[in-house]
N, C-alpha and C. Protein backbone atom coordinates (compact mmCIF):
# COMPACT_ATOMS: atom_id res chain seq x y z
N MET A 1 -42.83 -131.09 -49.42
CA MET A 1 -42.59 -132.17 -48.54
C MET A 1 -44.16 -131.97 -47.89
N ASP A 2 -45.30 -132.76 -47.90
CA ASP A 2 -46.58 -132.82 -47.69
C ASP A 2 -46.42 -133.65 -46.19
N ILE A 3 -46.66 -133.07 -45.33
CA ILE A 3 -46.93 -133.83 -43.83
C ILE A 3 -48.36 -133.52 -43.38
N ILE A 4 -49.17 -134.36 -42.95
CA ILE A 4 -50.39 -134.22 -42.82
C ILE A 4 -50.60 -134.64 -41.12
N ILE A 5 -51.02 -134.19 -40.41
CA ILE A 5 -51.28 -134.01 -38.92
C ILE A 5 -52.48 -134.23 -38.42
N SER A 6 -52.91 -135.47 -37.66
CA SER A 6 -54.42 -135.82 -37.47
C SER A 6 -54.34 -135.64 -35.83
N ASN A 7 -55.41 -134.82 -35.64
CA ASN A 7 -55.45 -134.50 -34.13
C ASN A 7 -56.38 -135.79 -33.83
N THR A 8 -56.73 -136.37 -34.32
CA THR A 8 -57.61 -137.88 -34.15
C THR A 8 -56.81 -139.21 -33.75
N SER A 9 -55.61 -139.12 -34.11
CA SER A 9 -54.69 -139.99 -34.08
C SER A 9 -54.35 -140.37 -32.78
N GLU A 10 -54.16 -141.54 -32.37
CA GLU A 10 -53.54 -141.64 -31.16
C GLU A 10 -52.21 -141.52 -30.74
N LYS A 11 -51.50 -141.35 -31.98
CA LYS A 11 -49.94 -141.26 -32.02
C LYS A 11 -49.56 -139.52 -31.62
N PRO A 12 -48.71 -139.71 -30.85
CA PRO A 12 -47.92 -137.82 -30.41
C PRO A 12 -47.84 -137.25 -32.00
N ILE A 13 -48.16 -135.77 -31.97
CA ILE A 13 -47.87 -135.24 -33.13
C ILE A 13 -46.32 -135.50 -33.71
N TYR A 14 -45.54 -135.23 -32.78
CA TYR A 14 -44.28 -135.47 -33.05
C TYR A 14 -43.60 -136.72 -34.14
N GLU A 15 -44.42 -138.06 -33.40
CA GLU A 15 -44.60 -139.59 -34.12
C GLU A 15 -44.81 -139.18 -35.70
N GLN A 16 -45.96 -138.68 -35.61
CA GLN A 16 -47.03 -138.53 -36.88
C GLN A 16 -45.75 -137.88 -37.85
N ILE A 17 -44.76 -136.82 -37.40
CA ILE A 17 -43.73 -136.15 -38.47
C ILE A 17 -43.22 -137.03 -38.74
N THR A 18 -42.16 -137.72 -37.38
CA THR A 18 -41.14 -138.90 -38.05
C THR A 18 -41.43 -139.69 -38.85
N GLU A 19 -42.70 -140.55 -38.78
CA GLU A 19 -43.24 -141.59 -39.45
C GLU A 19 -43.40 -141.12 -40.97
N GLN A 20 -43.87 -140.01 -41.24
CA GLN A 20 -44.10 -139.47 -42.38
C GLN A 20 -42.83 -138.97 -42.86
N ILE A 21 -41.88 -138.53 -42.71
CA ILE A 21 -40.50 -138.00 -42.90
C ILE A 21 -40.21 -139.91 -43.33
N LYS A 22 -39.81 -140.57 -42.47
CA LYS A 22 -39.31 -141.78 -42.60
C LYS A 22 -39.67 -142.38 -43.87
N ASP A 23 -41.30 -142.70 -44.16
CA ASP A 23 -41.97 -143.04 -45.35
C ASP A 23 -41.63 -142.31 -46.55
N SER A 24 -41.39 -141.05 -46.57
CA SER A 24 -40.79 -140.25 -47.78
C SER A 24 -39.56 -140.55 -48.14
N ILE A 25 -38.39 -140.71 -47.31
CA ILE A 25 -37.19 -141.14 -47.27
C ILE A 25 -37.24 -142.84 -48.34
N MET A 26 -38.03 -143.48 -47.64
CA MET A 26 -38.39 -145.09 -47.88
C MET A 26 -38.71 -144.81 -49.51
N ARG A 27 -39.60 -143.89 -49.86
CA ARG A 27 -40.28 -143.99 -50.92
C ARG A 27 -39.59 -143.35 -51.90
N GLY A 28 -38.44 -142.63 -51.67
CA GLY A 28 -37.69 -142.03 -52.24
C GLY A 28 -38.15 -140.73 -52.95
N GLU A 29 -39.00 -139.85 -52.25
CA GLU A 29 -39.68 -138.67 -52.50
C GLU A 29 -38.65 -137.69 -52.29
N ILE A 30 -38.09 -137.81 -50.76
CA ILE A 30 -37.09 -137.11 -50.33
C ILE A 30 -35.63 -137.76 -50.28
N ASN A 31 -34.47 -137.40 -50.77
CA ASN A 31 -33.26 -138.43 -51.21
C ASN A 31 -32.22 -137.64 -50.24
N GLU A 32 -31.68 -138.22 -50.16
CA GLU A 32 -30.18 -138.22 -49.48
C GLU A 32 -29.61 -136.24 -49.81
N GLY A 33 -29.33 -135.60 -49.02
CA GLY A 33 -28.74 -134.37 -49.01
C GLY A 33 -29.83 -133.62 -49.57
N ASP A 34 -30.86 -133.86 -49.33
CA ASP A 34 -32.45 -132.60 -49.58
C ASP A 34 -32.08 -132.25 -48.25
N ILE A 35 -32.55 -130.77 -48.54
CA ILE A 35 -32.53 -130.07 -47.20
C ILE A 35 -34.26 -130.15 -47.06
N LEU A 36 -34.30 -129.94 -45.57
CA LEU A 36 -35.42 -129.99 -45.03
C LEU A 36 -35.86 -128.73 -44.57
N PRO A 37 -36.97 -128.51 -44.20
CA PRO A 37 -37.58 -127.25 -43.76
C PRO A 37 -37.09 -127.10 -42.25
N SER A 38 -36.65 -125.77 -41.92
CA SER A 38 -36.20 -125.41 -40.65
C SER A 38 -37.14 -125.98 -39.46
N ILE A 39 -36.90 -126.12 -38.37
CA ILE A 39 -37.69 -126.39 -37.45
C ILE A 39 -38.84 -125.35 -37.29
N ARG A 40 -38.47 -124.24 -37.21
CA ARG A 40 -39.69 -122.84 -37.06
C ARG A 40 -40.45 -123.12 -38.28
N THR A 41 -39.95 -123.17 -39.33
CA THR A 41 -40.60 -123.18 -40.88
C THR A 41 -41.53 -124.25 -40.54
N LEU A 42 -41.41 -125.38 -40.05
CA LEU A 42 -41.93 -126.40 -40.70
C LEU A 42 -43.34 -126.64 -39.43
N ALA A 43 -42.87 -125.90 -38.31
CA ALA A 43 -43.98 -125.51 -37.13
C ALA A 43 -44.94 -124.66 -37.78
N ARG A 44 -44.21 -123.57 -38.32
CA ARG A 44 -45.37 -122.60 -38.43
C ARG A 44 -46.52 -123.34 -39.91
N GLU A 45 -45.96 -123.74 -40.67
CA GLU A 45 -46.62 -124.52 -41.79
C GLU A 45 -47.49 -125.72 -41.43
N LEU A 46 -47.05 -126.28 -40.10
CA LEU A 46 -48.14 -127.15 -39.63
C LEU A 46 -48.81 -126.66 -38.42
N LYS A 47 -48.65 -125.44 -37.90
CA LYS A 47 -49.63 -124.88 -37.20
C LYS A 47 -49.18 -125.25 -35.74
N ILE A 48 -48.03 -125.88 -35.51
CA ILE A 48 -48.05 -126.69 -34.00
C ILE A 48 -46.65 -125.69 -33.82
N SER A 49 -46.31 -126.37 -32.30
CA SER A 49 -45.21 -125.86 -31.30
C SER A 49 -43.69 -126.29 -32.08
N VAL A 50 -43.20 -125.42 -31.93
CA VAL A 50 -41.46 -125.45 -32.20
C VAL A 50 -41.05 -126.63 -31.58
N ILE A 51 -41.49 -126.47 -30.34
CA ILE A 51 -41.03 -127.77 -29.43
C ILE A 51 -41.31 -129.21 -30.12
N THR A 52 -42.35 -129.41 -30.30
CA THR A 52 -43.04 -130.49 -30.91
C THR A 52 -42.04 -130.91 -32.37
N THR A 53 -41.91 -129.59 -33.14
CA THR A 53 -41.03 -130.00 -34.38
C THR A 53 -39.31 -130.37 -34.02
N LYS A 54 -39.06 -129.76 -33.22
CA LYS A 54 -37.71 -129.96 -32.72
C LYS A 54 -37.60 -131.62 -32.10
N ARG A 55 -38.52 -131.79 -31.44
CA ARG A 55 -38.46 -133.09 -30.99
C ARG A 55 -38.67 -134.49 -31.98
N ALA A 56 -39.56 -133.87 -33.00
CA ALA A 56 -39.37 -134.98 -34.29
C ALA A 56 -38.04 -134.97 -35.26
N TYR A 57 -37.32 -133.82 -35.10
CA TYR A 57 -36.00 -133.60 -35.65
C TYR A 57 -35.00 -134.54 -35.18
N GLU A 58 -35.04 -134.09 -33.67
CA GLU A 58 -34.02 -134.68 -32.89
C GLU A 58 -34.18 -136.57 -32.53
N GLU A 59 -35.50 -136.98 -33.07
CA GLU A 59 -35.60 -138.51 -33.14
C GLU A 59 -35.25 -138.81 -34.43
N LEU A 60 -35.58 -137.90 -35.34
CA LEU A 60 -35.21 -138.39 -37.15
C LEU A 60 -33.68 -138.46 -36.81
N GLU A 61 -33.15 -137.48 -36.39
CA GLU A 61 -31.53 -137.52 -35.90
C GLU A 61 -30.79 -138.53 -35.17
N LYS A 62 -31.19 -138.76 -34.08
CA LYS A 62 -31.02 -140.11 -33.25
C LYS A 62 -31.02 -141.23 -33.82
N GLU A 63 -32.19 -141.20 -35.14
CA GLU A 63 -32.06 -142.85 -36.09
C GLU A 63 -31.33 -142.75 -37.23
N GLY A 64 -30.74 -141.63 -37.05
CA GLY A 64 -29.79 -141.74 -38.61
C GLY A 64 -30.44 -141.00 -39.73
N PHE A 65 -31.72 -140.54 -39.71
CA PHE A 65 -32.28 -140.39 -40.93
C PHE A 65 -31.95 -138.84 -41.56
N ILE A 66 -31.74 -137.79 -40.47
CA ILE A 66 -31.15 -136.62 -40.83
C ILE A 66 -30.09 -136.06 -39.98
N HIS A 67 -29.36 -135.28 -40.49
CA HIS A 67 -27.90 -134.53 -39.89
C HIS A 67 -28.40 -133.19 -40.14
N VAL A 68 -27.70 -132.31 -38.84
CA VAL A 68 -28.04 -131.00 -39.15
C VAL A 68 -26.45 -130.24 -38.98
N ILE A 69 -26.41 -129.34 -39.89
CA ILE A 69 -25.26 -128.68 -40.00
C ILE A 69 -25.67 -127.36 -39.31
N PRO A 70 -24.89 -127.23 -38.27
CA PRO A 70 -25.39 -125.58 -37.88
C PRO A 70 -25.08 -124.48 -38.94
N GLY A 71 -25.76 -123.61 -38.86
CA GLY A 71 -25.89 -122.46 -39.40
C GLY A 71 -26.13 -122.93 -40.83
N LYS A 72 -26.49 -123.96 -41.69
CA LYS A 72 -26.60 -124.33 -42.64
C LYS A 72 -27.89 -125.01 -43.03
N GLY A 73 -28.42 -125.62 -42.06
CA GLY A 73 -29.47 -126.23 -42.01
C GLY A 73 -29.62 -127.90 -42.07
N THR A 74 -30.84 -128.63 -42.12
CA THR A 74 -31.18 -129.99 -41.63
C THR A 74 -31.31 -130.86 -43.07
N TYR A 75 -30.55 -131.73 -43.22
CA TYR A 75 -30.45 -132.39 -44.28
C TYR A 75 -30.82 -133.99 -44.22
N VAL A 76 -31.21 -134.60 -45.19
CA VAL A 76 -31.52 -136.04 -45.13
C VAL A 76 -29.99 -136.45 -45.24
N ALA A 77 -30.04 -137.51 -44.43
CA ALA A 77 -28.63 -138.39 -44.34
C ALA A 77 -28.64 -139.48 -45.32
N ALA A 78 -27.38 -139.67 -45.75
CA ALA A 78 -27.10 -141.00 -46.45
C ALA A 78 -27.96 -142.20 -45.66
N GLN A 79 -28.52 -143.01 -46.49
CA GLN A 79 -28.97 -144.10 -45.91
C GLN A 79 -28.89 -145.32 -46.84
N ASN A 80 -29.04 -146.56 -45.80
CA ASN A 80 -28.60 -147.59 -46.86
C ASN A 80 -30.25 -148.44 -46.86
N ARG A 81 -31.08 -148.00 -47.96
CA ARG A 81 -32.40 -148.18 -48.39
C ARG A 81 -32.73 -149.94 -47.66
N GLN A 82 -31.62 -151.01 -47.95
CA GLN A 82 -32.36 -152.17 -47.82
C GLN A 82 -32.13 -152.49 -46.41
N LEU A 83 -31.31 -151.84 -45.66
CA LEU A 83 -31.51 -151.69 -44.07
C LEU A 83 -32.61 -151.13 -43.22
N LEU A 84 -33.08 -149.93 -44.31
CA LEU A 84 -34.54 -149.22 -43.92
C LEU A 84 -35.54 -150.19 -44.15
N LYS A 85 -35.45 -150.84 -45.11
CA LYS A 85 -36.37 -151.74 -45.67
C LYS A 85 -36.66 -152.99 -44.82
N GLU A 86 -35.66 -153.46 -44.34
CA GLU A 86 -35.41 -154.45 -43.14
C GLU A 86 -36.16 -154.14 -41.96
N THR A 87 -35.79 -153.04 -41.52
CA THR A 87 -36.10 -152.49 -40.54
C THR A 87 -38.28 -152.24 -40.28
N ARG A 88 -38.32 -151.88 -41.48
CA ARG A 88 -39.68 -151.63 -41.68
C ARG A 88 -40.18 -153.31 -41.76
N LEU A 89 -39.67 -153.99 -42.38
CA LEU A 89 -40.53 -155.31 -42.43
C LEU A 89 -40.27 -156.32 -41.28
N ARG A 90 -39.29 -155.91 -40.44
CA ARG A 90 -39.16 -156.64 -39.01
C ARG A 90 -40.59 -155.91 -38.23
N LEU A 91 -41.06 -154.73 -38.35
CA LEU A 91 -41.78 -153.92 -37.74
C LEU A 91 -43.48 -154.53 -38.49
N VAL A 92 -43.40 -154.96 -39.68
CA VAL A 92 -44.56 -155.51 -40.29
C VAL A 92 -44.93 -156.90 -39.47
N GLU A 93 -43.71 -157.78 -39.30
CA GLU A 93 -43.63 -158.59 -38.99
C GLU A 93 -44.15 -159.05 -37.47
N GLU A 94 -43.75 -158.23 -36.65
CA GLU A 94 -44.47 -158.17 -35.14
C GLU A 94 -46.01 -157.68 -35.65
N LYS A 95 -46.29 -156.48 -36.29
CA LYS A 95 -47.67 -156.06 -36.24
C LYS A 95 -48.63 -157.35 -36.70
N LEU A 96 -48.10 -158.16 -37.71
CA LEU A 96 -48.72 -159.28 -38.27
C LEU A 96 -49.03 -160.53 -36.92
N MET A 97 -47.89 -160.83 -36.60
CA MET A 97 -47.96 -161.57 -35.39
C MET A 97 -49.15 -161.57 -34.14
N GLU A 98 -49.27 -159.97 -33.81
CA GLU A 98 -49.96 -159.49 -32.99
C GLU A 98 -51.52 -159.92 -33.48
N VAL A 99 -51.64 -159.79 -35.02
CA VAL A 99 -53.23 -159.86 -35.76
C VAL A 99 -53.42 -161.04 -35.39
N VAL A 100 -52.26 -162.14 -36.06
CA VAL A 100 -53.05 -163.54 -35.93
C VAL A 100 -52.91 -163.83 -34.62
N THR A 101 -52.34 -163.89 -33.55
CA THR A 101 -52.45 -163.79 -32.26
C THR A 101 -54.28 -163.29 -31.59
N ALA A 102 -54.42 -161.96 -32.38
CA ALA A 102 -55.88 -161.82 -32.05
C ALA A 102 -57.07 -162.45 -32.49
N ALA A 103 -56.52 -162.58 -34.17
CA ALA A 103 -57.48 -163.29 -34.75
C ALA A 103 -57.92 -164.78 -33.94
N LYS A 104 -56.92 -165.35 -33.63
CA LYS A 104 -56.95 -166.76 -33.15
C LYS A 104 -57.65 -167.05 -31.81
N SER A 105 -57.40 -165.66 -31.37
CA SER A 105 -58.39 -165.51 -29.79
C SER A 105 -59.80 -165.83 -30.15
N ILE A 106 -60.29 -165.42 -31.33
CA ILE A 106 -61.45 -165.01 -31.67
C ILE A 106 -61.83 -165.97 -32.97
N ASP A 107 -61.06 -167.17 -32.70
CA ASP A 107 -61.66 -168.10 -33.81
C ASP A 107 -61.97 -167.47 -35.07
N LEU A 108 -61.16 -166.54 -35.58
CA LEU A 108 -61.42 -166.18 -37.01
C LEU A 108 -60.69 -166.75 -37.84
N SER A 109 -61.14 -167.48 -38.83
CA SER A 109 -60.34 -168.26 -40.11
C SER A 109 -59.49 -167.60 -40.86
N LEU A 110 -58.17 -168.51 -41.08
CA LEU A 110 -57.02 -167.63 -41.91
C LEU A 110 -58.26 -166.73 -43.35
N VAL A 111 -59.32 -167.36 -43.85
CA VAL A 111 -59.86 -167.14 -44.92
C VAL A 111 -60.34 -165.82 -44.54
N GLU A 112 -61.28 -165.79 -43.55
CA GLU A 112 -61.58 -164.32 -42.80
C GLU A 112 -60.42 -163.49 -42.84
N LEU A 113 -59.52 -163.41 -42.28
CA LEU A 113 -58.38 -162.69 -42.18
C LEU A 113 -57.59 -162.27 -43.48
N GLN A 114 -57.54 -163.29 -44.29
CA GLN A 114 -56.68 -162.85 -45.68
C GLN A 114 -58.09 -161.87 -46.13
N GLU A 115 -59.16 -162.06 -46.47
CA GLU A 115 -60.14 -160.94 -46.38
C GLU A 115 -60.07 -159.65 -46.04
N MET A 116 -60.07 -159.60 -44.70
CA MET A 116 -59.86 -158.34 -43.95
C MET A 116 -58.41 -157.95 -44.56
N LEU A 117 -57.59 -158.55 -44.77
CA LEU A 117 -55.99 -157.65 -45.06
C LEU A 117 -56.23 -157.42 -46.67
N LYS A 118 -56.95 -158.05 -47.18
CA LYS A 118 -57.25 -157.74 -48.72
C LYS A 118 -57.80 -156.18 -48.66
N PHE A 119 -58.60 -156.27 -48.02
CA PHE A 119 -60.00 -155.23 -47.97
C PHE A 119 -58.98 -153.62 -47.19
N PHE A 120 -58.04 -154.07 -46.45
CA PHE A 120 -57.59 -152.65 -45.68
C PHE A 120 -56.29 -152.78 -46.52
N TYR A 121 -55.65 -153.47 -46.86
CA TYR A 121 -54.51 -153.18 -48.03
C TYR A 121 -54.62 -152.26 -49.22
N ASN A 122 -55.91 -152.53 -49.66
CA ASN A 122 -56.34 -151.79 -50.72
C ASN A 122 -57.37 -150.42 -50.44
N GLU A 123 -57.41 -150.27 -49.42
CA GLU A 123 -57.92 -149.12 -48.66
C GLU A 123 -56.64 -147.76 -49.08
N GLU A 124 -57.59 -146.88 -49.34
CA GLU A 124 -56.20 -145.42 -48.91
C GLU A 124 -56.27 -145.22 -47.83
N VAL A 125 -55.03 -145.42 -47.17
CA VAL A 125 -54.68 -145.18 -45.83
C VAL A 125 -54.20 -143.80 -45.46
N TYR A 126 -53.58 -143.07 -46.10
CA TYR A 126 -53.33 -141.88 -45.66
C TYR A 126 -54.16 -140.88 -46.20
């Protein structure tokens, strides 16, 4: 599992970790029942605090993405991929509404907005 931490991101490190693990689950890169690195191992690999890694895992567990079996490890929980996709779709819709509102406030045309969207969609984001 490759997690890339950006020191220039406005997002806290624990959120970067949770988002990347969620994305890996959505893309099928990690599957139900797969074991995740221990909190200490992940912290060591990423060169970050154990507390930060623990917070990321707590968030993932609270949201139902992982489950911890004491003494055995942390595993990817069974997921309903369609439900996960719907959740992400709702988030995309909210962000797009923000973009449309901002675009209209500066009289950006639909064509200009579509061109921008195409550009960013085709860019390497990761």
